[in-house]
Amino acid sequence: MRPVGREALAFWLREPGVGEIRPVRLPDPGPDEVLVRTLWSGVSRGTETLVFHGRVPPSQYDAMRAPFQDGDFPAPVKYGYLNVGVVELGPAELRGRTVFCLYPHQTAYVVPAERIPPRRAVLAGTTETAINALWDAPPLIGDRVSVVGAGMVGCCIARLLAGIPGTQVTLVDVNASRATQAAALGVAFAGPADAPERQDLVFHTSATSAGLQRSLDLLGPEGTVVELSWYGDADVAVSLGGAFHSQRLGIRASQVGRVAPARRDSRSLADRRALAVELLRDPAFDVLLTGSSPFGELPDVLGRLADGSLPALCHTISYPEE
């Protein structure tokens, strides 16, 4: 058995709706491992608040496991996957480097020494989701494209779309204040009632039935909605009457767990992650970082994010230096 080293603190969901900070003992890193001290972690508001409320359907327990998750759904469970830290122990060439890891909210941890290229980096997982969505249904030059839902994923998709020549991109959300983010990302903004119709492609990320229905209504003939929302155990209702069949509309699911089929033979998960990190050199993504709280407040912060009393896109968690 490997010797046990230092102690760290981790956020655990004790029971649905109740989080707490727990001490954990870390093993000393092996020859191919690193000890990372966390600088920032990000809260993925959609997925993590569903987990916080215990709303992961039993049929999805295995599919929704995070790479370094401890415990099991619904609780107790240590969950999260947007972590940026600095390597304190490990191979000499990695010591002192800032790294991104798909690790939960914890002050320090030991992981394999994968060479993955401080605060903006917490968006790497979200940017991977956006990349995969564009691989699932790539727009053509000059396409009219809307993104319904101006959360973390929707804003990342909108920014990537903005770089495609001639593409007309509109970010659609019920919250008019999201116009600020849209302007910073270089795309147009519209409320649901004002969104442009006859779109060639719509990406839906709002996680609401109304948002999915509006996405379908925005399509032109033979257009496609790319559905990225995850609804947990909630039922979703949409109308497939009207123009759905006569205009041959489509709904396509996109999910980040595997590389999109169009690139699966030529890109690995590591390739996709490296691309996400490279794309995050763009300072426009900073507009998604809308607030920060110290690690010790995380149980309260997640509760406020889950009940909507703390508005945020990506709310980051800061960790004290030791």
Protein backbone atom coordinates (compact mmCIF):
# COMPACT_ATOMS: atom_id res chain seq x y z
CA MET A 1 0.00 0.00 0.00
CA ARG A 2 1.27 3.46 -0.88
CA PRO A 3 1.95 5.82 2.04
CA VAL A 4 -0.67 8.40 2.90
CA GLY A 5 0.54 11.98 2.54
CA ARG A 6 -1.07 15.33 3.19
CA GLU A 7 -4.66 16.21 3.99
CA ALA A 8 -7.00 18.12 1.69
CA LEU A 9 -10.58 19.35 1.83
CA ALA A 10 -13.29 18.29 -0.60
CA PHE A 11 -16.88 19.29 -1.32
CA TRP A 12 -19.34 16.40 -0.98
CA LEU A 13 -23.07 16.23 -1.56
CA ARG A 14 -24.14 14.58 1.70
CA GLU A 15 -27.75 14.17 0.60
CA PRO A 16 -29.83 15.82 -2.13
CA GLY A 17 -29.90 19.53 -1.40
CA VAL A 18 -27.23 19.43 1.34
CA GLY A 19 -23.51 19.89 0.69
CA GLU A 20 -20.58 19.89 3.07
CA ILE A 21 -16.79 20.21 3.21
CA ARG A 22 -14.98 17.02 4.25
CA PRO A 23 -11.32 16.28 4.98
CA VAL A 24 -9.61 13.69 2.77
CA ARG A 25 -6.18 12.07 3.02
CA LEU A 26 -4.08 12.13 -0.13
CA PRO A 27 -1.67 9.36 -1.12
CA ASP A 28 1.85 10.35 -2.04
CA PRO A 29 2.09 10.61 -5.84
CA GLY A 30 3.62 7.64 -7.63
CA PRO A 31 6.29 7.92 -10.35
CA ASP A 32 3.72 8.71 -13.06
CA GLU A 33 1.46 10.91 -10.96
CA VAL A 34 1.32 14.54 -9.83
CA LEU A 35 0.08 16.29 -6.72
CA VAL A 36 -1.97 19.31 -7.76
CA ARG A 37 -2.92 22.24 -5.51
CA THR A 38 -6.19 23.75 -6.72
CA LEU A 39 -6.29 27.41 -7.75
CA TRP A 40 -9.82 27.57 -9.18
CA SER A 41 -12.71 25.26 -9.86
CA GLY A 42 -15.81 26.02 -11.89
CA VAL A 43 -19.41 25.08 -11.16
CA SER A 44 -21.20 23.67 -14.19
CA ARG A 45 -24.52 25.20 -13.26
CA GLY A 46 -26.84 22.98 -15.30
CA THR A 47 -25.41 19.55 -14.54
CA GLU A 48 -24.16 20.23 -11.03
CA THR A 49 -27.41 21.73 -9.80
CA LEU A 50 -29.30 18.67 -11.11
CA VAL A 51 -26.82 16.50 -9.20
CA PHE A 52 -27.23 18.77 -6.14
CA HIS A 53 -30.99 18.21 -6.17
CA GLY A 54 -30.59 14.43 -6.64
CA ARG A 55 -32.20 14.53 -10.08
CA VAL A 56 -29.93 12.12 -11.96
CA PRO A 57 -32.20 9.31 -13.24
CA PRO A 58 -31.06 5.86 -12.03
CA SER A 59 -30.74 4.74 -15.65
CA GLN A 60 -28.05 7.40 -16.16
CA TYR A 61 -25.94 6.78 -13.04
CA ASP A 62 -23.13 5.13 -15.01
CA ALA A 63 -23.27 7.52 -17.97
CA MET A 64 -23.14 10.60 -15.73
CA ARG A 65 -20.16 9.56 -13.62
CA ALA A 66 -17.42 12.21 -13.65
CA PRO A 67 -13.87 10.95 -14.34
CA PHE A 68 -12.67 11.38 -10.72
CA GLN A 69 -16.02 11.08 -8.94
CA ASP A 70 -16.17 9.45 -5.50
CA GLY A 71 -19.38 7.98 -4.13
CA ASP A 72 -22.52 7.23 -6.06
CA PHE A 73 -25.69 9.01 -7.13
CA PRO A 74 -27.85 10.33 -5.68
CA ALA A 75 -25.59 10.78 -2.58
CA PRO A 76 -23.21 10.88 -0.87
CA VAL A 77 -21.13 11.84 -3.86
CA LYS A 78 -18.11 14.02 -4.69
CA TYR A 79 -18.86 15.48 -8.10
CA GLY A 80 -17.39 18.09 -10.43
CA TYR A 81 -15.09 18.32 -13.45
CA LEU A 82 -13.76 21.86 -13.95
CA ASN A 83 -10.56 22.23 -11.95
CA VAL A 84 -7.41 24.30 -12.48
CA GLY A 85 -4.38 23.95 -10.23
CA VAL A 86 -0.61 24.04 -9.99
CA VAL A 87 1.60 20.95 -9.88
CA GLU A 88 3.47 20.80 -6.58
CA LEU A 89 4.92 17.26 -6.73
CA GLY A 90 5.67 15.09 -9.73
CA PRO A 91 8.04 14.95 -12.71
CA ALA A 92 10.49 17.87 -12.68
CA GLU A 93 9.30 19.23 -16.01
CA LEU A 94 5.73 19.54 -14.69
CA ARG A 95 6.39 21.08 -11.27
CA GLY A 96 5.09 24.64 -11.05
CA ARG A 97 2.93 24.31 -14.17
CA THR A 98 -0.72 25.33 -14.23
CA VAL A 99 -2.94 22.46 -15.38
CA PHE A 100 -6.60 21.76 -16.13
CA CYS A 101 -8.11 18.56 -14.78
CA LEU A 102 -11.57 16.97 -14.81
CA TYR A 103 -11.52 16.82 -10.99
CA PRO A 104 -14.21 17.72 -8.41
CA HIS A 105 -14.07 20.67 -5.99
CA GLN A 106 -11.11 19.81 -3.73
CA THR A 107 -8.19 21.82 -2.38
CA ALA A 108 -5.55 19.34 -3.61
CA TYR A 109 -5.50 15.94 -5.31
CA VAL A 110 -3.28 13.28 -6.89
CA VAL A 111 -3.87 12.30 -10.53
CA PRO A 112 -1.99 10.65 -13.40
CA ALA A 113 0.54 13.01 -15.02
CA GLU A 114 -1.29 13.60 -18.30
CA ARG A 115 0.27 16.57 -20.06
CA ILE A 116 -2.73 18.83 -20.42
CA PRO A 117 -1.94 22.48 -21.01
CA PRO A 118 -5.56 30.19 -14.40
CA ARG A 119 -9.19 31.09 -14.14
CA ARG A 120 -10.36 30.95 -17.78
CA ALA A 121 -9.09 27.37 -18.03
CA VAL A 122 -12.06 26.11 -15.97
CA LEU A 123 -14.08 26.57 -19.19
CA ALA A 124 -12.11 23.84 -20.98
CA GLY A 125 -14.74 21.18 -20.33
CA THR A 126 -17.53 23.47 -21.56
CA THR A 127 -15.55 24.41 -24.65
CA GLU A 128 -15.08 20.70 -25.40
CA THR A 129 -18.86 20.34 -25.32
CA ALA A 130 -19.19 23.20 -27.80
CA ILE A 131 -16.55 21.73 -30.11
CA ASN A 132 -18.32 18.37 -30.10
CA ALA A 133 -21.64 20.03 -30.95
CA LEU A 134 -20.13 21.76 -33.98
CA TRP A 135 -18.61 18.48 -35.07
CA ASP A 136 -22.05 16.85 -34.72
CA ALA A 137 -23.72 19.43 -36.99
CA PRO A 138 -21.22 21.83 -38.57
CA PRO A 139 -22.73 25.00 -40.06
CA LEU A 140 -21.88 25.99 -43.62
CA ILE A 141 -20.40 29.32 -44.62
CA GLY A 142 -23.17 31.90 -44.78
CA ASP A 143 -25.62 29.88 -42.66
CA ARG A 144 -28.17 31.54 -40.39
CA VAL A 145 -27.65 29.98 -36.96
CA SER A 146 -29.29 30.61 -33.59
CA VAL A 147 -28.24 29.40 -30.15
CA VAL A 148 -31.23 29.17 -27.79
CA GLY A 149 -30.06 29.43 -24.18
CA ALA A 150 -27.29 31.86 -23.20
CA GLY A 151 -25.70 29.78 -20.45
CA MET A 152 -22.12 28.56 -20.36
CA VAL A 153 -22.51 26.03 -23.17
CA GLY A 154 -24.64 28.30 -25.36
CA CYS A 155 -22.22 31.20 -25.04
CA CYS A 156 -19.24 28.98 -25.88
CA ILE A 157 -21.01 27.68 -28.98
CA ALA A 158 -21.93 31.22 -30.03
CA ARG A 159 -18.30 32.35 -29.77
CA LEU A 160 -17.06 29.45 -31.90
CA LEU A 161 -19.78 30.09 -34.48
CA ALA A 162 -18.79 33.77 -34.65
CA GLY A 163 -15.46 32.73 -36.17
CA ILE A 164 -17.04 31.06 -39.23
CA PRO A 165 -17.00 33.47 -42.21
CA GLY A 166 -20.36 34.81 -43.29
CA THR A 167 -22.31 33.02 -40.59
CA GLN A 168 -25.16 35.04 -39.05
CA VAL A 169 -25.26 34.09 -35.37
CA THR A 170 -27.98 35.03 -32.88
CA LEU A 171 -27.90 34.19 -29.18
CA VAL A 172 -31.47 33.80 -27.86
CA ASP A 173 -32.44 33.98 -24.19
CA VAL A 174 -35.35 35.06 -21.98
CA ASN A 175 -32.92 37.09 -19.85
CA ALA A 176 -32.36 40.40 -21.63
CA SER A 177 -29.18 41.05 -19.61
CA ARG A 178 -27.48 38.30 -21.63
CA ALA A 179 -27.21 40.87 -24.44
CA THR A 180 -24.02 42.04 -22.70
CA GLN A 181 -22.43 38.62 -23.11
CA ALA A 182 -23.64 38.35 -26.70
CA ALA A 183 -21.99 41.66 -27.63
CA ALA A 184 -18.72 40.61 -26.00
CA LEU A 185 -18.83 37.33 -27.92
CA GLY A 186 -19.39 39.12 -31.23
CA VAL A 187 -22.90 37.83 -31.98
CA ALA A 188 -26.41 39.28 -32.15
CA PHE A 189 -28.89 38.90 -29.29
CA ALA A 190 -32.65 38.40 -29.28
CA GLY A 191 -35.40 37.50 -26.86
CA PRO A 192 -37.47 34.41 -27.79
CA ALA A 193 -40.26 36.50 -29.33
CA ASP A 194 -37.82 38.54 -31.43
CA ALA A 195 -35.51 35.77 -32.63
CA PRO A 196 -35.07 35.48 -36.41
CA GLU A 197 -36.91 32.61 -38.04
CA ARG A 198 -36.03 30.42 -41.06
CA GLN A 199 -32.73 29.47 -39.46
CA ASP A 200 -30.61 26.79 -41.09
CA LEU A 201 -29.40 25.42 -37.79
CA VAL A 202 -30.31 25.94 -34.12
CA PHE A 203 -28.32 24.80 -31.09
CA HIS A 204 -30.53 24.37 -28.02
CA THR A 205 -29.01 24.64 -24.52
CA SER A 206 -31.73 26.14 -22.28
CA ALA A 207 -32.85 22.81 -20.71
CA THR A 208 -36.52 23.83 -20.98
CA SER A 209 -39.39 22.47 -23.05
CA ALA A 210 -40.24 26.03 -24.11
CA GLY A 211 -36.70 26.55 -25.35
CA LEU A 212 -36.73 23.35 -27.39
CA GLN A 213 -40.11 24.25 -28.89
CA ARG A 214 -38.89 27.73 -29.81
CA SER A 215 -35.79 26.19 -31.38
CA LEU A 216 -37.98 24.07 -33.66
CA ASP A 217 -40.16 27.06 -34.50
CA LEU A 218 -37.10 29.05 -35.61
CA LEU A 219 -36.05 26.54 -38.26
CA GLY A 220 -36.44 26.93 -41.98
CA PRO A 221 -37.26 23.95 -44.24
CA GLU A 222 -35.08 20.89 -43.56
CA GLY A 223 -33.31 22.66 -40.70
CA THR A 224 -31.94 20.88 -37.66
CA VAL A 225 -32.01 21.52 -33.92
CA VAL A 226 -28.92 20.24 -32.13
CA GLU A 227 -30.08 19.39 -28.61
CA LEU A 228 -27.39 19.78 -25.93
CA SER A 229 -29.65 20.22 -22.89
CA TRP A 230 -29.72 17.54 -20.25
CA TYR A 231 -33.00 17.47 -18.34
CA GLY A 232 -32.20 14.96 -15.60
CA ASP A 233 -35.44 13.26 -14.56
CA ALA A 234 -37.72 16.01 -15.95
CA ASP A 235 -40.27 15.24 -18.68
CA VAL A 236 -39.99 17.26 -21.91
CA ALA A 237 -42.97 18.12 -24.10
CA VAL A 238 -42.82 19.54 -27.63
CA SER A 239 -45.33 19.77 -30.45
CA LEU A 240 -44.38 17.73 -33.51
CA GLY A 241 -47.44 18.79 -35.46
CA GLY A 242 -47.57 21.86 -37.68
CA ALA A 243 -44.52 22.20 -39.91
CA PHE A 244 -42.38 19.49 -38.28
CA HIS A 245 -43.11 16.81 -40.88
CA SER A 246 -44.00 18.94 -43.90
CA GLN A 247 -40.73 20.88 -43.61
CA ARG A 248 -38.71 17.77 -42.68
CA LEU A 249 -37.27 19.29 -39.53
CA GLY A 250 -34.79 17.39 -37.42
CA ILE A 251 -33.68 17.09 -33.79
CA ARG A 252 -30.20 15.74 -33.19
CA ALA A 253 -28.73 14.92 -29.78
CA SER A 254 -25.18 16.00 -28.96
CA GLN A 255 -23.31 14.82 -25.88
CA VAL A 256 -19.69 15.28 -24.86
CA GLY A 257 -19.00 11.81 -23.46
CA ARG A 258 -17.67 10.56 -26.83
CA VAL A 259 -16.08 12.31 -29.78
CA ALA A 260 -18.72 13.16 -32.39
CA PRO A 261 -19.06 10.47 -35.12
CA ALA A 262 -17.81 12.82 -37.84
CA ARG A 263 -14.42 13.06 -36.08
CA ARG A 264 -14.28 9.85 -34.08
CA ASP A 265 -11.85 8.15 -36.47
CA SER A 266 -9.48 11.11 -36.65
CA ARG A 267 -9.64 12.81 -33.22
CA SER A 268 -9.17 11.41 -29.73
CA LEU A 269 -10.57 12.80 -26.50
CA ALA A 270 -7.08 14.18 -25.80
CA ASP A 271 -7.05 15.91 -29.21
CA ARG A 272 -10.41 17.52 -28.48
CA ARG A 273 -9.29 18.68 -25.05
CA ALA A 274 -6.08 20.15 -26.44
CA LEU A 275 -8.13 22.05 -29.03
CA ALA A 276 -10.42 23.38 -26.28
CA VAL A 277 -7.43 24.68 -24.32
CA GLU A 278 -6.00 26.30 -27.45
CA LEU A 279 -9.30 28.03 -28.26
CA LEU A 280 -9.41 29.45 -24.73
CA ARG A 281 -6.51 31.74 -25.59
CA ASP A 282 -9.34 33.99 -26.83
CA PRO A 283 -9.96 36.60 -24.08
CA ALA A 284 -13.60 36.96 -25.16
CA PHE A 285 -14.36 33.88 -23.05
CA ASP A 286 -13.69 35.89 -19.88
CA VAL A 287 -17.22 37.32 -20.17
CA LEU A 288 -18.54 33.90 -19.09
CA LEU A 289 -16.78 34.14 -15.71
CA THR A 290 -19.47 36.02 -13.83
CA GLY A 291 -18.62 35.58 -10.16
CA SER A 292 -16.36 33.94 -7.64
CA SER A 293 -16.55 32.62 -4.08
CA PRO A 294 -14.03 31.05 -1.69
CA PHE A 295 -14.01 27.25 -1.37
CA GLY A 296 -15.35 27.31 2.19
CA GLU A 297 -18.61 28.86 0.96
CA LEU A 298 -19.25 26.19 -1.69
CA PRO A 299 -22.07 24.33 0.14
CA ASP A 300 -24.04 27.60 0.38
CA VAL A 301 -23.05 28.72 -3.12
CA LEU A 302 -24.29 25.53 -4.78
CA GLY A 303 -27.57 25.81 -2.92
CA ARG A 304 -28.03 29.39 -4.15
CA LEU A 305 -27.09 28.45 -7.71
CA ALA A 306 -29.55 25.58 -7.58
CA ASP A 307 -32.47 27.68 -6.35
CA GLY A 308 -31.68 30.58 -8.69
CA SER A 309 -30.94 33.18 -6.00
CA LEU A 310 -27.34 33.49 -7.25
CA PRO A 311 -27.37 34.32 -10.98
CA ALA A 312 -24.26 33.24 -12.86
CA LEU A 313 -22.85 31.79 -16.04
CA CYS A 314 -19.66 30.16 -14.79
CA HIS A 315 -19.24 30.79 -11.06
CA THR A 316 -15.69 30.01 -10.04
CA ILE A 317 -14.38 28.80 -6.70
CA SER A 318 -11.07 30.16 -5.40
CA TYR A 319 -8.74 28.22 -3.14
CA PRO A 320 -6.44 29.69 -0.45
CA GLU A 321 -2.69 29.39 -0.86
CA GLU A 322 -1.11 27.15 1.76
